[in-house]
C-alpha atoms as a PDB file:
ATOM      1  CA  UNK A   1      -0.279 -15.701 -21.536  1.00  0.00           C
ATOM      2  CA  UNK A   2       2.456 -18.186 -21.940  1.00  0.00           C
ATOM      3  CA  UNK A   3       0.748 -21.912 -20.782  1.00  0.00           C
ATOM      4  CA  UNK A   4       3.682 -24.196 -19.020  1.00  0.00           C
ATOM      5  CA  UNK A   5       3.623 -27.281 -17.506  1.00  0.00           C
ATOM      6  CA  UNK A   6       2.939 -27.975 -13.335  1.00  0.00           C
ATOM      7  CA  UNK A   7       6.796 -30.449 -14.410  1.00  0.00           C
ATOM      8  CA  UNK A   8       8.062 -26.887 -15.823  1.00  0.00           C
ATOM      9  CA  UNK A   9       6.647 -25.061 -13.773  1.00  0.00           C
ATOM     10  CA  UNK A  10       7.955 -27.022  -9.974  1.00  0.00           C
ATOM     11  CA  UNK A  11      11.832 -27.400 -11.994  1.00  0.00           C
ATOM     12  CA  UNK A  12      12.030 -23.262 -13.387  1.00  0.00           C
ATOM     13  CA  UNK A  13      10.122 -21.959 -10.284  1.00  0.00           C
ATOM     14  CA  UNK A  14      12.892 -19.096  -9.811  1.00  0.00           C
ATOM     15  CA  UNK A  15      13.163 -18.243 -12.980  1.00  0.00           C
ATOM     16  CA  UNK A  16       9.040 -17.831 -14.055  1.00  0.00           C
ATOM     17  CA  UNK A  17       8.670 -15.781 -10.725  1.00  0.00           C
ATOM     18  CA  UNK A  18      11.661 -13.094 -12.199  1.00  0.00           C
ATOM     19  CA  UNK A  19       9.915 -12.966 -15.118  1.00  0.00           C
ATOM     20  CA  UNK A  20       6.492 -12.205 -13.311  1.00  0.00           C
ATOM     21  CA  UNK A  21       8.199  -9.607 -11.461  1.00  0.00           C
ATOM     22  CA  UNK A  22      10.066  -8.049 -13.832  1.00  0.00           C
ATOM     23  CA  UNK A  23       8.395  -7.922 -17.012  1.00  0.00           C
ATOM     24  CA  UNK A  24       4.834  -8.613 -15.685  1.00  0.00           C
ATOM     25  CA  UNK A  25       3.979 -12.345 -17.467  1.00  0.00           C
ATOM     26  CA  UNK A  26       1.075 -13.656 -16.642  1.00  0.00           C
ATOM     27  CA  UNK A  27       1.766 -18.150 -16.628  1.00  0.00           C
ATOM     28  CA  UNK A  28      -1.598 -20.634 -16.758  1.00  0.00           C
ATOM     29  CA  UNK A  29      -0.163 -23.781 -15.522  1.00  0.00           C
ATOM     30  CA  UNK A  30      -1.206 -27.018 -16.885  1.00  0.00           C
ATOM     31  CA  UNK A  31      -1.276 -30.500 -15.499  1.00  0.00           C
ATOM     32  CA  UNK A  32      -2.731 -33.013 -17.767  1.00  0.00           C
ATOM     33  CA  UNK A  33      -3.561 -30.965 -20.503  1.00  0.00           C
ATOM     34  CA  UNK A  34      -6.020 -29.093 -18.616  1.00  0.00           C
ATOM     35  CA  UNK A  35      -5.302 -25.339 -16.565  1.00  0.00           C
ATOM     36  CA  UNK A  36      -5.259 -25.712 -13.135  1.00  0.00           C
ATOM     37  CA  UNK A  37      -3.640 -22.357 -11.803  1.00  0.00           C
ATOM     38  CA  UNK A  38      -2.708 -18.933 -13.004  1.00  0.00           C
ATOM     39  CA  UNK A  39       0.510 -17.182 -11.876  1.00  0.00           C
ATOM     40  CA  UNK A  40      -0.137 -13.234 -12.542  1.00  0.00           C
ATOM     41  CA  UNK A  41       2.048 -10.095 -11.249  1.00  0.00           C
ATOM     42  CA  UNK A  42       0.355  -8.413  -7.648  1.00  0.00           C
ATOM     43  CA  UNK A  43      -1.512  -5.284  -8.031  1.00  0.00           C
ATOM     44  CA  UNK A  44       0.589  -2.440  -6.164  1.00  0.00           C
ATOM     45  CA  UNK A  45      -0.812   0.358  -5.593  1.00  0.00           C
ATOM     46  CA  UNK A  46       0.181   3.353  -3.167  1.00  0.00           C
ATOM     47  CA  UNK A  47      -1.639   5.163  -0.979  1.00  0.00           C
ATOM     48  CA  UNK A  48      -0.960   8.380  -2.709  1.00  0.00           C
ATOM     49  CA  UNK A  49      -2.414   6.329  -6.071  1.00  0.00           C
ATOM     50  CA  UNK A  50      -5.371   5.401  -4.534  1.00  0.00           C
ATOM     51  CA  UNK A  51      -6.337   8.686  -3.095  1.00  0.00           C
ATOM     52  CA  UNK A  52      -6.194  10.237  -6.337  1.00  0.00           C
ATOM     53  CA  UNK A  53      -8.165   7.307  -7.805  1.00  0.00           C
ATOM     54  CA  UNK A  54     -10.689   8.787  -5.992  1.00  0.00           C
ATOM     55  CA  UNK A  55     -10.444  12.537  -6.033  1.00  0.00           C
ATOM     56  CA  UNK A  56     -10.300  12.603 -10.058  1.00  0.00           C
ATOM     57  CA  UNK A  57     -13.687  10.253  -9.650  1.00  0.00           C
ATOM     58  CA  UNK A  58     -16.662  11.989  -8.467  1.00  0.00           C
ATOM     59  CA  UNK A  59     -19.347  10.283  -6.207  1.00  0.00           C
ATOM     60  CA  UNK A  60     -22.052   8.064  -6.677  1.00  0.00           C
ATOM     61  CA  UNK A  61     -24.853   8.700  -4.846  1.00  0.00           C
ATOM     62  CA  UNK A  62     -26.441   5.997  -5.453  1.00  0.00           C
ATOM     63  CA  UNK A  63     -23.838   3.317  -4.356  1.00  0.00           C
ATOM     64  CA  UNK A  64     -25.404   3.414  -0.644  1.00  0.00           C
ATOM     65  CA  UNK A  65     -28.420   2.217  -2.066  1.00  0.00           C
ATOM     66  CA  UNK A  66     -27.026  -0.495  -4.831  1.00  0.00           C
ATOM     67  CA  UNK A  67     -24.470  -1.573  -2.118  1.00  0.00           C
ATOM     68  CA  UNK A  68     -28.015  -1.805   0.360  1.00  0.00           C
ATOM     69  CA  UNK A  69     -29.691  -3.811  -2.607  1.00  0.00           C
ATOM     70  CA  UNK A  70     -26.908  -6.326  -2.658  1.00  0.00           C
ATOM     71  CA  UNK A  71     -26.462  -7.575   1.021  1.00  0.00           C
ATOM     72  CA  UNK A  72     -30.061  -7.387   1.163  1.00  0.00           C
ATOM     73  CA  UNK A  73     -29.039 -10.458  -1.732  1.00  0.00           C
ATOM     74  CA  UNK A  74     -26.801 -12.427  -0.280  1.00  0.00           C
ATOM     75  CA  UNK A  75     -28.017 -15.549   2.651  1.00  0.00           C
ATOM     76  CA  UNK A  76     -26.628 -16.018   5.894  1.00  0.00           C
ATOM     77  CA  UNK A  77     -23.627 -18.732   5.135  1.00  0.00           C
ATOM     78  CA  UNK A  78     -22.601 -20.020   8.287  1.00  0.00           C
ATOM     79  CA  UNK A  79     -18.611 -19.009   9.141  1.00  0.00           C
ATOM     80  CA  UNK A  80     -16.257 -21.678   9.528  1.00  0.00           C
ATOM     81  CA  UNK A  81     -13.847 -21.199  12.966  1.00  0.00           C
END
C-alpha cells in the first residue's frame, strides 16, 4: 500500500484512479507526514455472488438474539435532519 503526498495525489489523480481501478492498488494519502486518507478500490458484488454466498453458509439460529442484544446496548442518538 503505497503512501503518496496530498500534492502528488492532486497532480496525478487520474493516473492514481487508473491504478486503483485496474490494478486494485490502495493508496494512503499523507499530509505533512501524517496519513489523512486512504483511497481503495470499490468492492463490487453482484446479486448472483451474494445469493451464492448466502447459499453456501448455514443460517445461524442465534443471530436474531445476538442482534437484539446489540440493539439493546445502543444508546438513542439524536438524528440530524
